[in-house]
């Protein structure tokens, strides 16, 4: 069943309430995205590779830091809790967080680790290559304990917790389960964007899980079910049951989203609404951000999914890791509404 487009009055009511929300706690892997943009006019004489003549460079907050940036542009405060190394990239991360008016006190520096930093060399037509600086080993117990204390100290007074897992080593079972338990004690909504390499059981007890289709299949296999399980509804039911979730949204790329809730076990679908796709970087971050705050503003799962889909539709039309503000979100919805009349 395809869920009908959210009504204009509800869209306005929900999005206008964003500014009234208490802060959102964002826990997850953080990093920086650098974009080196230019033109290619020849092949290198040294090797059969293109020579990029650089015309512009810029850095953006990446991974879970992009969620906090999205929240800021949507008029919602946040506390970002993540791990950096003790290196020059960590200094650049702190500087960019401060430039974006985001708090840095939840960032824990861990000596010996590399701050995640991804550099993309691109032209107007395509990405030429990506260079990754990162550490992905699981954190040691003493580091985990430091993060648990930081969460205990900071989580009070938040409306929701977004757990963003990029499988960079921070989010192990001990830390995630501690965080979910602490949030539940304080009646804080917990939403999760899972990591492809993580054991799905670490997310047990969250309110909402948002895997993509490939991640859903990996989770089903990890939970002991046959990889022949292709039915989306069946996968959603397994995830709801085995992970004790309230809601699950499986993103389907060009096919949109599939929604399932314990309160209503009928599978619903939301179509993809982006008129053009320039760059998918950060679209998932925007989606989980808007899903979370829309739910906290009283949206149904279907309404929240439509709002999240509109936000993703905005950012995929931008170059690089991007954010959306309420004006862009409203403009996109109004254009979408005209298409549905």
Protein backbone atom coordinates (compact mmCIF):
# COMPACT_ATOMS: atom_id res chain seq x y z
CA UNK A 1 0.00 0.00 0.00
CA UNK A 2 1.35 3.45 -0.96
CA UNK A 3 0.87 5.97 1.84
CA UNK A 4 -0.89 9.16 0.62
CA UNK A 5 1.09 12.41 0.51
CA UNK A 6 1.16 14.25 3.81
CA UNK A 7 -1.48 17.00 3.95
CA UNK A 8 -0.24 20.59 3.67
CA UNK A 9 -1.71 21.57 7.06
CA UNK A 10 0.08 18.70 8.78
CA UNK A 11 3.35 19.41 6.96
CA UNK A 12 3.21 23.02 8.14
CA UNK A 13 2.20 22.13 11.69
CA UNK A 14 4.97 19.56 12.11
CA UNK A 15 7.80 21.55 10.51
CA UNK A 16 6.90 24.76 12.33
CA UNK A 17 7.27 22.86 15.61
CA UNK A 18 10.90 21.96 14.88
CA UNK A 19 12.08 25.19 16.52
CA UNK A 20 10.27 24.26 19.75
CA UNK A 21 12.00 20.91 20.24
CA UNK A 22 14.44 20.24 23.02
CA UNK A 23 17.94 19.36 21.73
CA UNK A 24 18.67 16.04 20.03
CA UNK A 25 21.56 13.86 21.20
CA UNK A 26 23.59 12.55 18.25
CA UNK A 27 25.86 9.58 18.93
CA UNK A 28 28.03 8.05 16.27
CA UNK A 29 31.02 8.08 13.99
CA UNK A 30 32.10 11.58 13.01
CA UNK A 31 34.42 12.88 10.34
CA UNK A 32 35.17 15.42 7.65
CA UNK A 33 34.44 15.34 3.93
CA UNK A 34 36.80 17.29 1.69
CA UNK A 35 35.96 18.04 -1.93
CA UNK A 36 38.66 18.88 -4.45
CA UNK A 37 36.94 20.13 -7.60
CA UNK A 38 38.41 20.91 -10.97
CA UNK A 39 38.64 20.10 -14.66
CA UNK A 40 40.44 17.39 -16.59
CA UNK A 41 42.14 18.29 -19.85
CA UNK A 42 44.76 15.61 -20.25
CA UNK A 43 46.14 12.26 -19.10
CA UNK A 44 49.23 12.25 -16.89
CA UNK A 45 52.50 11.35 -18.64
CA UNK A 46 53.54 9.54 -15.43
CA UNK A 47 50.64 7.05 -15.35
CA UNK A 48 47.38 6.41 -17.24
CA UNK A 49 45.34 8.65 -14.93
CA UNK A 50 43.58 12.00 -15.49
CA UNK A 51 45.26 15.21 -14.33
CA UNK A 52 42.83 17.28 -12.25
CA UNK A 53 43.36 21.03 -12.53
CA UNK A 54 41.97 22.23 -9.21
CA UNK A 55 39.63 25.23 -9.24
CA UNK A 56 37.93 24.88 -5.83
CA UNK A 57 38.31 23.05 -2.52
CA UNK A 58 35.99 22.89 0.46
CA UNK A 59 35.34 20.85 3.60
CA UNK A 60 32.02 19.69 5.05
CA UNK A 61 31.06 17.97 8.28
CA UNK A 62 30.60 14.28 7.58
CA UNK A 63 29.03 11.13 9.03
CA UNK A 64 27.17 11.83 12.32
CA UNK A 65 28.52 15.39 12.37
CA UNK A 66 26.43 16.03 9.27
CA UNK A 67 23.33 15.07 11.27
CA UNK A 68 24.09 17.76 13.85
CA UNK A 69 24.66 20.22 11.01
CA UNK A 70 21.30 19.23 9.48
CA UNK A 71 19.61 19.75 12.84
CA UNK A 72 21.16 23.23 13.13
CA UNK A 73 19.89 24.28 9.69
CA UNK A 74 16.43 23.02 10.71
CA UNK A 75 16.48 25.19 13.88
CA UNK A 76 17.05 22.28 16.29
CA UNK A 77 19.95 22.26 18.75
CA UNK A 78 21.97 19.11 19.31
CA UNK A 79 24.76 17.55 21.32
CA UNK A 80 27.18 15.59 19.15
CA UNK A 81 29.06 12.72 20.78
CA UNK A 82 31.71 11.02 18.68
CA UNK A 83 35.34 10.01 18.44
CA UNK A 84 38.27 11.81 16.86
CA UNK A 85 41.95 11.08 16.83
CA UNK A 86 44.59 13.38 18.24
CA UNK A 87 45.70 14.73 14.88
CA UNK A 88 45.41 17.70 12.51
CA UNK A 89 42.10 16.42 11.14
CA UNK A 90 40.62 16.52 14.66
CA UNK A 91 41.64 20.18 14.91
CA UNK A 92 39.97 20.86 11.56
CA UNK A 93 36.85 19.02 12.74
CA UNK A 94 36.66 21.15 15.90
CA UNK A 95 37.14 24.33 13.89
CA UNK A 96 34.38 23.45 11.42
CA UNK A 97 32.00 22.44 14.22
CA UNK A 98 32.57 25.83 15.84
CA UNK A 99 32.10 27.63 12.50
CA UNK A 100 28.72 25.87 12.21
CA UNK A 101 27.84 26.92 15.79
CA UNK A 102 27.89 23.32 17.01
CA UNK A 103 29.13 22.22 20.42
CA UNK A 104 32.40 20.25 20.61
CA UNK A 105 32.25 19.02 24.22
CA UNK A 106 30.90 15.61 23.22
CA UNK A 107 33.88 14.86 20.97
CA UNK A 108 36.37 12.52 22.62
CA UNK A 109 39.92 12.49 21.28
CA UNK A 110 41.58 9.09 21.30
CA UNK A 111 45.39 9.08 20.85
CA UNK A 112 46.62 6.55 18.32
CA UNK A 113 43.49 6.68 16.19
CA UNK A 114 43.03 8.56 12.94
CA UNK A 115 40.19 11.04 12.59
CA UNK A 116 37.97 9.96 9.71
CA UNK A 117 38.69 12.20 6.74
CA UNK A 118 37.46 11.52 3.21
CA UNK A 119 38.75 13.47 0.26
CA UNK A 120 36.94 13.30 -3.07
CA UNK A 121 38.48 14.52 -6.31
CA UNK A 122 35.66 15.47 -8.70
CA UNK A 123 34.80 17.22 -11.91
CA UNK A 124 31.40 18.53 -12.95
CA UNK A 125 30.78 15.19 -14.66
CA UNK A 126 32.09 12.59 -12.22
CA UNK A 127 34.11 11.63 -9.16
CA UNK A 128 37.65 10.64 -10.12
CA UNK A 129 38.74 9.08 -6.85
CA UNK A 130 38.25 9.10 -3.08
CA UNK A 131 41.03 9.04 -0.49
CA UNK A 132 40.12 7.78 3.00
CA UNK A 133 42.01 8.43 6.22
CA UNK A 134 40.46 6.42 9.05
CA UNK A 135 40.79 3.86 11.84
CA UNK A 136 38.10 1.19 12.10
CA UNK A 137 39.29 -1.04 14.96
CA UNK A 138 36.80 -1.45 17.81
CA UNK A 139 37.44 0.88 20.71
CA UNK A 140 39.18 -0.44 23.81
CA UNK A 141 37.25 -0.93 27.04
CA UNK A 142 38.67 2.15 28.75
CA UNK A 143 37.63 4.31 25.81
CA UNK A 144 34.17 2.76 25.90
CA UNK A 145 33.87 3.60 29.59
CA UNK A 146 34.89 7.20 28.87
CA UNK A 147 32.11 7.47 26.27
CA UNK A 148 29.54 5.94 28.61
CA UNK A 149 30.39 8.54 31.23
CA UNK A 150 30.21 11.33 28.65
CA UNK A 151 26.75 10.12 27.60
CA UNK A 152 25.59 9.90 31.22
CA UNK A 153 26.79 13.46 31.82
CA UNK A 154 25.26 15.00 28.69
CA UNK A 155 22.06 13.15 27.77
CA UNK A 156 19.77 14.89 30.27
CA UNK A 157 17.37 17.39 28.70
CA UNK A 158 17.29 15.93 25.19
CA UNK A 159 14.14 15.06 23.23
CA UNK A 160 15.62 12.30 21.08
CA UNK A 161 18.77 10.30 20.44
CA UNK A 162 20.00 9.51 16.94
CA UNK A 163 22.55 6.69 16.75
CA UNK A 164 24.49 6.91 13.48
CA UNK A 165 26.67 3.87 12.80
CA UNK A 166 29.21 3.98 9.97
CA UNK A 167 31.12 0.96 11.35
CA UNK A 168 34.23 2.94 12.24
CA UNK A 169 34.78 1.14 15.55
CA UNK A 170 33.00 3.34 18.07
CA UNK A 171 29.57 1.73 18.37
CA UNK A 172 29.99 -1.66 20.00
CA UNK A 173 27.26 -3.56 21.84
CA UNK A 174 28.26 -2.30 25.27
CA UNK A 175 28.13 1.37 24.29
CA UNK A 176 24.97 1.19 22.16
CA UNK A 177 23.00 -0.82 24.70
CA UNK A 178 24.12 1.49 27.50
CA UNK A 179 22.99 4.49 25.43
CA UNK A 180 19.59 3.01 24.56
CA UNK A 181 18.99 2.05 28.20
CA UNK A 182 19.97 5.52 29.42
CA UNK A 183 17.69 7.16 26.85
CA UNK A 184 14.76 4.92 27.79
CA UNK A 185 15.20 5.81 31.46
CA UNK A 186 14.67 9.44 30.52
CA UNK A 187 11.85 8.82 28.02
CA UNK A 188 14.02 9.85 25.06
CA UNK A 189 13.11 8.61 21.56
CA UNK A 190 15.90 6.48 20.03
CA UNK A 191 16.33 6.17 16.27
CA UNK A 192 19.12 4.26 14.57
CA UNK A 193 20.81 4.43 11.18
CA UNK A 194 22.66 1.08 11.33
CA UNK A 195 26.13 0.09 10.16
CA UNK A 196 26.57 -2.56 7.52
CA UNK A 197 29.28 -4.39 9.48
CA UNK A 198 27.65 -4.27 12.92
CA UNK A 199 25.80 -7.10 14.65
CA UNK A 200 22.12 -6.07 14.48
CA UNK A 201 21.55 -7.20 18.07
CA UNK A 202 23.45 -4.16 19.33
CA UNK A 203 20.44 -2.03 18.35
CA UNK A 204 17.95 -4.09 20.37
CA UNK A 205 15.33 -1.96 22.08
CA UNK A 206 15.57 1.12 19.85
CA UNK A 207 12.35 2.82 18.81
CA UNK A 208 13.07 3.04 15.07
CA UNK A 209 15.63 1.39 12.81
CA UNK A 210 16.37 2.71 9.30
CA UNK A 211 18.46 0.22 7.27
CA UNK A 212 18.66 0.17 3.50
CA UNK A 213 17.71 -2.97 1.61
CA UNK A 214 21.24 -4.40 1.48
CA UNK A 215 21.74 -3.77 5.20
CA UNK A 216 18.36 -5.40 5.94
CA UNK A 217 19.38 -8.57 4.14
CA UNK A 218 22.69 -8.70 5.99
CA UNK A 219 20.85 -8.27 9.29
CA UNK A 220 18.41 -11.05 8.48
CA UNK A 221 21.31 -13.39 7.75
CA UNK A 222 23.12 -12.33 10.94
CA UNK A 223 19.96 -13.13 12.90
CA UNK A 224 20.05 -16.69 11.55
CA UNK A 225 17.52 -16.48 8.74
CA UNK A 226 18.09 -17.70 5.22
CA UNK A 227 19.43 -15.22 2.71
CA UNK A 228 16.57 -16.38 0.49
CA UNK A 229 14.30 -14.14 2.58
CA UNK A 230 13.54 -11.55 -0.09
CA UNK A 231 10.09 -10.37 0.97
CA UNK A 232 10.43 -6.87 2.41
CA UNK A 233 7.47 -7.23 4.76
CA UNK A 234 8.87 -10.47 6.15
CA UNK A 235 12.27 -8.85 6.71
CA UNK A 236 10.62 -5.94 8.49
CA UNK A 237 8.62 -8.29 10.71
CA UNK A 238 11.76 -10.22 11.66
CA UNK A 239 13.63 -7.02 12.55
CA UNK A 240 10.71 -5.70 14.63
CA UNK A 241 10.46 -8.97 16.53
CA UNK A 242 14.08 -10.00 17.04
CA UNK A 243 15.36 -6.52 17.84
CA UNK A 244 12.34 -5.45 19.92
CA UNK A 245 11.76 -2.35 17.79
CA UNK A 246 8.63 -0.23 17.55
CA UNK A 247 9.12 0.84 13.94
CA UNK A 248 11.32 0.01 10.97
CA UNK A 249 11.87 1.86 7.73
CA UNK A 250 13.73 0.07 4.94
CA UNK A 251 15.04 2.49 2.34
CA UNK A 252 14.89 1.14 -1.20
CA UNK A 253 16.87 3.64 -3.27
CA UNK A 254 14.96 4.50 -6.44
CA UNK A 255 12.00 2.47 -5.10
CA UNK A 256 11.47 4.76 -2.11
CA UNK A 257 10.85 3.53 1.45
CA UNK A 258 9.02 0.62 3.08
CA UNK A 259 7.44 1.28 6.49
CA UNK A 260 6.33 -1.17 9.15
CA UNK A 261 5.17 -0.55 12.72
CA UNK A 262 4.24 -2.87 15.58
CA UNK A 263 1.07 -0.83 16.02
CA UNK A 264 0.10 -1.38 12.39
CA UNK A 265 1.65 -4.41 10.70
CA UNK A 266 0.48 -3.40 7.23
CA UNK A 267 3.47 -2.61 5.01
CA UNK A 268 3.29 0.89 3.58
CA UNK A 269 5.45 2.44 0.88
CA UNK A 270 6.63 5.96 0.19
CA UNK A 271 7.87 6.60 -3.37
CA UNK A 272 11.13 8.37 -4.18
CA UNK A 273 10.35 12.01 -4.90
CA UNK A 274 13.69 13.51 -6.02
CA UNK A 275 13.28 15.01 -9.52
CA UNK A 276 17.03 14.68 -10.14
CA UNK A 277 19.93 13.06 -8.34
CA UNK A 278 23.26 14.86 -8.45
CA UNK A 279 24.99 13.40 -5.38
CA UNK A 280 23.62 10.99 -2.75
CA UNK A 281 26.23 11.98 -0.13
CA UNK A 282 24.49 12.83 3.12
CA UNK A 283 20.97 11.94 1.96
CA UNK A 284 20.67 9.21 4.59
CA UNK A 285 21.83 11.64 7.29
CA UNK A 286 19.15 14.14 6.29
CA UNK A 287 16.52 11.43 6.16
CA UNK A 288 17.15 10.07 9.69
CA UNK A 289 17.36 13.63 11.01
CA UNK A 290 13.95 14.61 9.66
CA UNK A 291 12.34 11.28 10.54
CA UNK A 292 13.41 11.73 14.15
CA UNK A 293 12.37 15.32 14.71
CA UNK A 294 9.11 14.88 12.79
CA UNK A 295 8.17 11.96 15.05
CA UNK A 296 8.99 14.09 18.09
CA UNK A 297 6.69 16.80 16.72
CA UNK A 298 3.76 14.40 16.62
CA UNK A 299 4.00 13.04 13.08
CA UNK A 300 2.78 9.56 12.25
CA UNK A 301 5.36 7.21 10.76
CA UNK A 302 3.96 7.86 7.27
CA UNK A 303 4.04 11.65 7.75
CA UNK A 304 7.58 11.53 9.11
CA UNK A 305 8.67 9.38 6.15
CA UNK A 306 7.23 11.88 3.67
CA UNK A 307 9.05 14.74 5.38
CA UNK A 308 12.29 12.75 5.47
CA UNK A 309 11.88 11.89 1.82
CA UNK A 310 11.39 15.55 0.92
CA UNK A 311 14.59 16.46 2.76
CA UNK A 312 16.53 13.74 0.97
CA UNK A 313 15.07 15.01 -2.30
CA UNK A 314 16.59 18.41 -1.62
CA UNK A 315 20.10 17.26 -0.70
CA UNK A 316 20.59 14.78 -3.56
CA UNK A 317 20.23 17.76 -5.88
CA UNK A 318 23.26 19.44 -4.28
CA UNK A 319 26.96 18.83 -4.75
CA UNK A 320 28.68 16.92 -1.94
CA UNK A 321 27.57 16.26 1.62
CA UNK A 322 24.72 18.70 2.13
CA UNK A 323 22.04 19.92 4.52
CA UNK A 324 18.49 21.23 4.16
CA UNK A 325 16.75 24.14 5.85
CA UNK A 326 13.04 24.62 6.49
CA UNK A 327 12.60 27.01 3.56
CA UNK A 328 14.10 24.52 1.11
CA UNK A 329 12.07 21.72 2.66
CA UNK A 330 8.81 23.67 2.34
CA UNK A 331 9.59 24.71 -1.23
CA UNK A 332 10.28 21.09 -2.21
CA UNK A 333 7.04 19.92 -0.57
CA UNK A 334 5.00 22.56 -2.38
CA UNK A 335 6.45 21.51 -5.73
CA UNK A 336 5.78 17.90 -4.85
CA UNK A 337 2.22 18.74 -3.86
CA UNK A 338 1.66 20.31 -7.29
CA UNK A 339 2.81 17.07 -8.94
CA UNK A 340 0.31 15.04 -6.90
CA UNK A 341 -2.73 17.21 -7.74
